[in-house]
Amino acid sequence: MATTSTQPTEQRPTDSEGKTKTARLFFLDASSGRVLSANPDGADKKVIATGGRVPDGIAVDTEAGHIYWTNMGVPTQNDGSIERVDLDGQNRTTIIPKGGTFTPKQLTLDRKNRKLYWCDREGMRVMRSNLDGSKIETLVDTSQGDPRPGPDLKKWCVGIAVDTDRGQFYWTQKGPDNAGVGRIFARTPKSQRARLRLIAATSKFFSKVCRSPSTSSSILRTG
């Protein structure tokens, strides 16, 4: 599995130091635990970091010169972490230590508010912190009292996206493979509750909307 992120695709003449800027593709090799980069055509592949513990999600802050990635660790153990490294592979640091999150999956940057958002799969949570790893918050907890690691796959949180203009964040909750029960939720500051917008976890369209009293959320289900 590889996850990708890119710098802007257009080539800019120079930066503030007079160096030419070019586009780079950043991706993960989960099986080998590596963070890599390459040109958009796949040439000039470079290894940026090694020794990741099943890396899964990646985000790049080109302005600050940082790469962030999640380490899932062992899904049955509370040993997930998040690391950061400079674009050139220097100054690697762990910003969310082992146990700070159970099984972190996808993550994304809120550059406007200097926040890092991620989904904790077996932890059944959507979480957030400052970019240096401080002030860890649980924004959504879908466990409803279940122990961690969560036994109910429908409560597993995986994908994450942030819309700073609307003040919303979106996350996916999966389910058994090919079951057609995946969902996508959105939380807004106005209502302070989760509302479903659409589904992208399966190839099927949803046929009806129902209300879930246990989560106070609108949920689309397949017919």
Protein backbone atom coordinates (compact mmCIF):
# COMPACT_ATOMS: atom_id res chain seq x y z
CA MET A 1 0.00 0.00 0.00
CA ALA A 2 1.25 3.46 -0.88
CA THR A 3 -0.18 6.81 0.17
CA THR A 4 0.80 9.92 -1.73
CA SER A 5 1.08 13.65 -1.30
CA THR A 6 2.57 16.22 -3.61
CA GLN A 7 4.10 19.62 -3.57
CA PRO A 8 2.53 22.06 -6.08
CA THR A 9 2.93 20.70 -9.60
CA GLU A 10 3.93 23.95 -11.23
CA GLN A 11 7.64 24.75 -11.33
CA ARG A 12 8.51 28.04 -9.77
CA PRO A 13 11.68 29.90 -10.75
CA THR A 14 13.34 30.28 -7.35
CA ASP A 15 12.68 30.43 -3.64
CA SER A 16 13.90 33.06 -1.20
CA GLU A 17 17.38 31.57 -1.28
CA GLY A 18 17.53 31.55 -5.07
CA LYS A 19 17.12 27.77 -5.38
CA THR A 20 14.89 26.29 -8.09
CA LYS A 21 11.67 24.71 -6.83
CA THR A 22 10.42 21.49 -8.42
CA ALA A 23 7.48 19.20 -7.72
CA ARG A 24 7.95 16.09 -5.59
CA LEU A 25 5.70 13.14 -4.80
CA PHE A 26 5.80 11.80 -1.22
CA PHE A 27 4.58 8.30 -0.41
CA LEU A 28 4.76 5.43 2.06
CA ASP A 29 5.83 1.83 1.75
CA ALA A 30 3.90 0.13 4.56
CA SER A 31 5.53 -3.28 4.19
CA SER A 32 9.08 -1.94 4.53
CA GLY A 33 8.25 0.94 6.88
CA ARG A 34 9.73 3.60 4.60
CA VAL A 35 8.88 7.19 3.69
CA LEU A 36 9.96 8.01 0.13
CA SER A 37 9.82 10.76 -2.46
CA ALA A 38 10.12 10.92 -6.23
CA ASN A 39 9.51 13.18 -9.19
CA PRO A 40 5.91 13.08 -10.49
CA ASP A 41 7.06 10.77 -13.30
CA GLY A 42 8.56 8.32 -10.79
CA ALA A 43 12.18 9.26 -11.45
CA ASP A 44 14.76 10.24 -8.82
CA LYS A 45 13.28 8.09 -6.05
CA LYS A 46 14.74 8.85 -2.62
CA VAL A 47 14.31 7.23 0.80
CA ILE A 48 13.56 9.89 3.39
CA ALA A 49 13.02 7.76 6.50
CA THR A 50 13.11 4.08 7.46
CA GLY A 51 11.95 1.98 10.39
CA GLY A 52 8.32 3.04 10.40
CA ARG A 53 5.94 0.69 12.18
CA VAL A 54 3.41 0.05 9.39
CA PRO A 55 3.10 3.67 8.19
CA ASP A 56 -0.31 4.47 6.74
CA GLY A 57 -1.17 8.18 6.47
CA ILE A 58 1.04 11.00 5.19
CA ALA A 59 0.76 14.79 5.01
CA VAL A 60 3.25 17.35 3.73
CA ASP A 61 3.67 20.95 4.92
CA THR A 62 5.83 22.48 2.21
CA GLU A 63 5.85 25.93 3.78
CA ALA A 64 7.30 24.64 7.05
CA GLY A 65 9.35 21.96 5.29
CA HIS A 66 7.87 19.02 7.22
CA ILE A 67 6.47 15.57 6.46
CA TYR A 68 4.08 13.92 8.91
CA TRP A 69 3.10 10.25 8.92
CA THR A 70 1.22 7.79 11.10
CA ASN A 71 2.58 4.47 12.38
CA MET A 72 -0.23 1.97 12.89
CA GLY A 73 1.91 -0.35 15.00
CA VAL A 74 0.23 -3.59 16.08
CA PRO A 75 -3.55 -3.18 15.71
CA THR A 76 -4.28 -5.25 18.83
CA GLN A 77 -2.00 -3.13 20.97
CA ASN A 78 -2.17 0.49 22.03
CA ASP A 79 1.14 1.43 20.39
CA GLY A 80 0.32 3.75 17.48
CA SER A 81 2.39 6.91 16.95
CA ILE A 82 2.90 9.89 14.64
CA GLU A 83 6.28 11.14 13.42
CA ARG A 84 7.60 14.22 11.65
CA VAL A 85 10.71 14.77 9.56
CA ASP A 86 12.11 17.55 7.39
CA LEU A 87 11.66 17.25 3.63
CA ASP A 88 15.33 16.28 3.29
CA GLY A 89 15.08 13.53 5.93
CA GLN A 90 16.71 15.51 8.74
CA ASN A 91 15.40 16.24 12.25
CA ARG A 92 13.14 13.22 12.60
CA THR A 93 11.03 13.35 15.75
CA THR A 94 8.06 11.52 17.29
CA ILE A 95 5.32 14.05 18.00
CA ILE A 96 2.64 11.59 19.18
CA PRO A 97 4.38 8.85 21.21
CA LYS A 98 3.40 5.18 21.30
CA GLY A 99 0.09 4.86 23.08
CA GLY A 100 -0.88 8.46 22.41
CA THR A 101 -3.23 7.01 19.80
CA PHE A 102 -4.26 3.38 19.28
CA THR A 103 -4.05 2.68 15.53
CA PRO A 104 -3.65 5.96 13.60
CA LYS A 105 -4.64 5.74 9.94
CA GLN A 106 -5.11 8.69 7.58
CA LEU A 107 -4.15 12.20 8.66
CA THR A 108 -4.42 15.71 7.27
CA LEU A 109 -3.16 19.20 8.04
CA ASP A 110 -5.20 22.24 8.95
CA ARG A 111 -2.58 24.79 7.92
CA LYS A 112 -4.79 27.76 8.73
CA ASN A 113 -5.19 26.80 12.40
CA ARG A 114 -1.91 24.85 12.67
CA LYS A 115 -3.59 21.58 13.60
CA LEU A 116 -3.08 17.93 12.69
CA TYR A 117 -6.16 15.70 12.35
CA TRP A 118 -6.17 11.91 12.14
CA CYS A 119 -8.42 8.86 12.48
CA ASP A 120 -7.72 6.18 15.08
CA ARG A 121 -9.11 2.95 13.62
CA GLU A 122 -9.20 0.38 16.44
CA GLY A 123 -9.33 3.27 18.88
CA MET A 124 -12.64 4.31 17.25
CA ARG A 125 -11.78 7.99 17.43
CA VAL A 126 -11.17 11.13 15.41
CA MET A 127 -8.28 13.01 17.03
CA ARG A 128 -6.44 16.30 16.72
CA SER A 129 -3.30 17.97 18.06
CA ASN A 130 -1.09 20.97 17.49
CA LEU A 131 1.56 20.44 14.83
CA ASP A 132 4.20 19.81 17.50
CA GLY A 133 2.06 17.06 19.04
CA SER A 134 0.89 19.08 22.01
CA LYS A 135 -2.75 19.42 23.11
CA ILE A 136 -4.02 16.03 21.93
CA GLU A 137 -7.81 16.03 21.66
CA THR A 138 -10.46 13.41 20.97
CA LEU A 139 -13.05 15.10 18.75
CA VAL A 140 -15.21 12.04 18.07
CA ASP A 141 -15.46 8.78 20.02
CA THR A 142 -17.61 6.14 18.29
CA SER A 143 -16.91 3.36 20.81
CA GLN A 144 -20.15 3.76 22.79
CA GLY A 145 -18.49 1.92 25.65
CA ASP A 146 -16.79 -0.79 23.58
CA PRO A 147 -13.28 -1.78 24.69
CA ARG A 148 -10.22 -0.87 22.63
CA PRO A 149 -9.28 -2.38 20.24
CA GLY A 150 -12.83 -2.02 18.97
CA PRO A 151 -14.53 -5.28 17.94
CA ASP A 152 -17.19 -3.60 15.74
CA LEU A 153 -15.70 -2.68 12.34
CA LYS A 154 -18.56 -0.24 11.67
CA LYS A 155 -17.16 1.97 14.43
CA TRP A 156 -13.64 2.05 12.98
CA CYS A 157 -12.61 5.54 11.83
CA VAL A 158 -10.24 5.58 8.84
CA GLY A 159 -10.31 8.51 6.40
CA ILE A 160 -10.14 12.20 7.37
CA ALA A 161 -10.51 15.56 5.61
CA VAL A 162 -10.79 19.16 6.83
CA ASP A 163 -12.59 22.09 5.19
CA THR A 164 -11.29 25.17 6.99
CA ASP A 165 -13.50 27.55 4.99
CA ARG A 166 -16.67 25.81 6.17
CA GLY A 167 -15.25 24.99 9.59
CA GLN A 168 -15.97 21.29 9.11
CA PHE A 169 -14.09 18.02 9.25
CA TYR A 170 -15.14 14.76 7.61
CA TRP A 171 -14.31 11.18 8.49
CA THR A 172 -15.11 7.69 7.25
CA GLN A 173 -16.33 4.71 9.25
CA LYS A 174 -15.82 1.40 7.53
CA GLY A 175 -17.27 -2.04 8.08
CA PRO A 176 -16.62 -5.60 6.90
CA ASP A 177 -15.10 -5.89 3.44
CA ASN A 178 -17.64 -5.55 0.59
CA ALA A 179 -20.52 -5.23 3.06
CA GLY A 180 -21.82 -1.93 1.69
CA VAL A 181 -22.14 -0.36 5.15
CA GLY A 182 -19.33 2.23 5.00
CA ARG A 183 -20.28 5.79 5.90
CA ILE A 184 -18.86 9.31 5.82
CA PHE A 185 -19.69 11.84 8.53
CA ALA A 186 -19.16 15.58 8.88
CA ARG A 187 -19.02 17.61 12.05
CA THR A 188 -19.68 21.33 12.11
CA PRO A 189 -19.08 23.79 14.95
CA LYS A 190 -22.63 25.14 14.60
CA SER A 191 -24.46 21.95 15.47
CA GLN A 192 -21.67 20.24 17.41
CA ARG A 193 -22.97 16.91 16.19
CA ALA A 194 -22.11 14.55 13.35
CA ARG A 195 -24.04 14.78 10.11
CA LEU A 196 -23.53 12.49 7.13
CA ARG A 197 -22.89 14.13 3.77
CA LEU A 198 -21.98 11.33 1.36
CA ILE A 199 -20.39 7.91 1.03
CA ALA A 200 -17.17 7.02 -0.78
CA ALA A 201 -16.19 3.85 1.02
CA THR A 202 -18.14 1.56 -1.32
CA SER A 203 -19.08 1.65 -4.98
CA LYS A 204 -22.81 1.53 -4.20
CA PHE A 205 -25.11 4.52 -3.91
CA PHE A 206 -27.23 4.89 -0.82
CA SER A 207 -30.94 4.56 -1.27
CA LYS A 208 -32.40 6.02 1.91
CA VAL A 209 -31.59 8.16 4.92
CA CYS A 210 -32.45 7.19 8.47
CA ARG A 211 -31.88 8.73 11.87
CA SER A 212 -29.64 7.01 14.42
CA PRO A 213 -30.80 7.99 17.93
CA SER A 214 -27.66 6.54 19.50
CA THR A 215 -25.33 8.87 17.64
CA SER A 216 -27.64 11.81 16.78
CA SER A 217 -26.33 11.49 13.23
CA SER A 218 -27.88 11.24 9.81
CA ILE A 219 -26.82 7.92 8.31
CA LEU A 220 -27.12 6.78 4.71
CA ARG A 221 -27.46 3.05 4.25
CA THR A 222 -27.55 0.82 1.21
CA GLY A 223 -30.87 -0.71 0.36
